[in-house]
Each structure stands twice: as C-alpha cells, then as structure tokens.
Amino acid sequence: MFQIMGLTYIHQLNILKTLLTGAINAVTTLIFIFFGKVLWSLALVMVCGAILGDYVGARLALKVSPNIVRTMGSCIGFSMTAYFFHHHT
C-alpha cells in the first residue's frame, strides 16, 4: 500500500510501518489497561521482548540488502498466513 503512495525505499517503509504499529499497539494497550485485562507479570516480559526484537530487527534490516528484507518479510507473512489458515480451530 505504501508503494502505491510513492514510497519505494524499503528502510523508509520499515520506519513508517514501525511507527504505525507502535501507535496501534499504544491505543490497544490503553484499552486493555482501562478494562483491567492486563496480566502485568507477563506484559512486562512481552514489552522487553518486543523492544529487544524491534531494536535487533531494525539493526539487521539496515545491514542487509533491501531485496532480502522484502523477500524475508513476504516469506514470513505468507508462512504465518498459511499456518493460521491451516490451524484455525
């Protein structure tokens, strides 16, 4: 979708995706906190993992070819879609 808007540089697309994902996660987090649905002991572990994964993923993405980043993103996305489609109980 971003490419249709004229954005083609994979690293700019990655930054935009990360910012939009962060905004969406912030809103949903506030909703879960408001309704008291957060298990804080698990949430803190997940936050640490997400921050570490975002940092490492961003650093790795900057070091490899944009074609590899695009290919890996597509492969992971298609694989997850196939897995969840097959295991949709």
C-alpha atoms as a PDB file:
ATOM      1  CA  MET A   1       0.000   0.000   0.000  1.00  0.00           C
ATOM      2  CA  PHE A   2       2.799   2.403   0.832  1.00  0.00           C
ATOM      3  CA  GLN A   3       4.415   1.694  -2.526  1.00  0.00           C
ATOM      4  CA  ILE A   4       1.212   2.799  -4.242  1.00  0.00           C
ATOM      5  CA  MET A   5       1.597   6.093  -2.373  1.00  0.00           C
ATOM      6  CA  GLY A   6       5.060   6.529  -3.917  1.00  0.00           C
ATOM      7  CA  LEU A   7       7.251   5.187  -1.112  1.00  0.00           C
ATOM      8  CA  THR A   8       9.698   2.648  -2.508  1.00  0.00           C
ATOM      9  CA  TYR A   9      12.777   2.744  -0.258  1.00  0.00           C
ATOM     10  CA  ILE A  10      12.456  -0.299   1.998  1.00  0.00           C
ATOM     11  CA  HIS A  11      14.029   1.347   5.037  1.00  0.00           C
ATOM     12  CA  GLN A  12      11.587   4.276   4.896  1.00  0.00           C
ATOM     13  CA  LEU A  13       8.741   1.787   4.567  1.00  0.00           C
ATOM     14  CA  ASN A  14      10.068  -0.107   7.572  1.00  0.00           C
ATOM     15  CA  ILE A  15      10.232   3.071   9.675  1.00  0.00           C
ATOM     16  CA  LEU A  16       6.685   4.018   8.706  1.00  0.00           C
ATOM     17  CA  LYS A  17       5.442   0.501   9.456  1.00  0.00           C
ATOM     18  CA  THR A  18       7.121   0.563  12.854  1.00  0.00           C
ATOM     19  CA  LEU A  19       5.611   3.944  13.748  1.00  0.00           C
ATOM     20  CA  LEU A  20       2.114   2.884  12.688  1.00  0.00           C
ATOM     21  CA  THR A  21       2.416  -0.419  14.544  1.00  0.00           C
ATOM     22  CA  GLY A  22       3.581   1.417  17.653  1.00  0.00           C
ATOM     23  CA  ALA A  23       0.608   3.787  17.505  1.00  0.00           C
ATOM     24  CA  ILE A  24      -1.846   0.907  17.084  1.00  0.00           C
ATOM     25  CA  ASN A  25      -0.244  -1.023  19.943  1.00  0.00           C
ATOM     26  CA  ALA A  26      -0.335   2.040  22.206  1.00  0.00           C
ATOM     27  CA  VAL A  27      -4.073   2.502  21.651  1.00  0.00           C
ATOM     28  CA  THR A  28      -4.876  -1.166  22.212  1.00  0.00           C
ATOM     29  CA  THR A  29      -2.663  -1.233  25.303  1.00  0.00           C
ATOM     30  CA  LEU A  30      -4.577   1.682  26.795  1.00  0.00           C
ATOM     31  CA  ILE A  31      -7.875  -0.090  26.082  1.00  0.00           C
ATOM     32  CA  PHE A  32      -6.689  -3.294  27.782  1.00  0.00           C
ATOM     33  CA  ILE A  33      -5.390  -1.314  30.784  1.00  0.00           C
ATOM     34  CA  PHE A  34      -8.664   0.614  31.044  1.00  0.00           C
ATOM     35  CA  PHE A  35     -10.690  -2.604  31.178  1.00  0.00           C
ATOM     36  CA  GLY A  36      -8.260  -4.290  33.600  1.00  0.00           C
ATOM     37  CA  LYS A  37      -7.318  -7.116  31.241  1.00  0.00           C
ATOM     38  CA  VAL A  38      -3.528  -6.920  31.616  1.00  0.00           C
ATOM     39  CA  LEU A  39      -1.517  -9.620  33.391  1.00  0.00           C
ATOM     40  CA  TRP A  40       1.365  -7.368  34.384  1.00  0.00           C
ATOM     41  CA  SER A  41       3.871 -10.145  35.097  1.00  0.00           C
ATOM     42  CA  LEU A  42       3.510 -11.402  31.515  1.00  0.00           C
ATOM     43  CA  ALA A  43       3.120  -7.957  29.983  1.00  0.00           C
ATOM     44  CA  LEU A  44       6.495  -6.761  31.250  1.00  0.00           C
ATOM     45  CA  VAL A  45       8.252  -9.773  29.734  1.00  0.00           C
ATOM     46  CA  MET A  46       6.468  -9.191  26.426  1.00  0.00           C
ATOM     47  CA  VAL A  47       7.385  -5.485  26.411  1.00  0.00           C
ATOM     48  CA  CYS A  48      11.054  -6.307  26.968  1.00  0.00           C
ATOM     49  CA  GLY A  49      10.968  -8.907  24.188  1.00  0.00           C
ATOM     50  CA  ALA A  50       9.232  -6.520  21.797  1.00  0.00           C
ATOM     51  CA  ILE A  51      11.723  -3.722  22.431  1.00  0.00           C
ATOM     52  CA  LEU A  52      14.690  -6.051  22.016  1.00  0.00           C
ATOM     53  CA  GLY A  53      13.204  -7.624  18.881  1.00  0.00           C
ATOM     54  CA  ASP A  54      12.447  -4.236  17.312  1.00  0.00           C
ATOM     55  CA  TYR A  55      15.954  -2.970  18.028  1.00  0.00           C
ATOM     56  CA  VAL A  56      17.727  -6.074  16.728  1.00  0.00           C
ATOM     57  CA  GLY A  57      15.397  -6.356  13.718  1.00  0.00           C
ATOM     58  CA  ALA A  58      15.940  -2.733  12.721  1.00  0.00           C
ATOM     59  CA  ARG A  59      19.721  -3.045  13.015  1.00  0.00           C
ATOM     60  CA  LEU A  60      19.713  -6.253  10.993  1.00  0.00           C
ATOM     61  CA  ALA A  61      17.441  -4.798   8.306  1.00  0.00           C
ATOM     62  CA  LEU A  62      19.848  -1.890   7.793  1.00  0.00           C
ATOM     63  CA  LYS A  63      22.775  -4.262   7.204  1.00  0.00           C
ATOM     64  CA  VAL A  64      21.236  -6.476   4.523  1.00  0.00           C
ATOM     65  CA  SER A  65      20.059  -5.828   1.005  1.00  0.00           C
ATOM     66  CA  PRO A  66      16.572  -4.301   0.605  1.00  0.00           C
ATOM     67  CA  ASN A  67      15.656  -7.247  -1.637  1.00  0.00           C
ATOM     68  CA  ILE A  68      16.455  -9.686   1.164  1.00  0.00           C
ATOM     69  CA  VAL A  69      14.387  -7.645   3.635  1.00  0.00           C
ATOM     70  CA  ARG A  70      11.458  -7.606   1.215  1.00  0.00           C
ATOM     71  CA  THR A  71      11.763 -11.325   0.440  1.00  0.00           C
ATOM     72  CA  MET A  72      12.048 -12.327   4.100  1.00  0.00           C
ATOM     73  CA  GLY A  73       9.077 -10.151   5.045  1.00  0.00           C
ATOM     74  CA  SER A  74       6.970 -11.736   2.326  1.00  0.00           C
ATOM     75  CA  CYS A  75       8.051 -15.273   3.215  1.00  0.00           C
ATOM     76  CA  ILE A  76       7.330 -14.784   6.914  1.00  0.00           C
ATOM     77  CA  GLY A  77       3.970 -13.163   6.176  1.00  0.00           C
ATOM     78  CA  PHE A  78       2.874 -15.902   3.777  1.00  0.00           C
ATOM     79  CA  SER A  79       4.104 -18.638   6.127  1.00  0.00           C
ATOM     80  CA  MET A  80       2.200 -17.213   9.096  1.00  0.00           C
ATOM     81  CA  THR A  81      -0.933 -16.788   6.994  1.00  0.00           C
ATOM     82  CA  ALA A  82      -0.744 -20.395   5.787  1.00  0.00           C
ATOM     83  CA  TYR A  83      -0.106 -21.688   9.307  1.00  0.00           C
ATOM     84  CA  PHE A  84      -3.028 -19.841  10.870  1.00  0.00           C
ATOM     85  CA  PHE A  85      -5.319 -20.672   7.946  1.00  0.00           C
ATOM     86  CA  HIS A  86      -4.499 -24.358   8.369  1.00  0.00           C
ATOM     87  CA  HIS A  87      -4.802 -24.312  12.203  1.00  0.00           C
ATOM     88  CA  HIS A  88      -7.956 -22.205  12.513  1.00  0.00           C
ATOM     89  CA  THR A  89      -9.717 -24.138  15.264  1.00  0.00           C
END
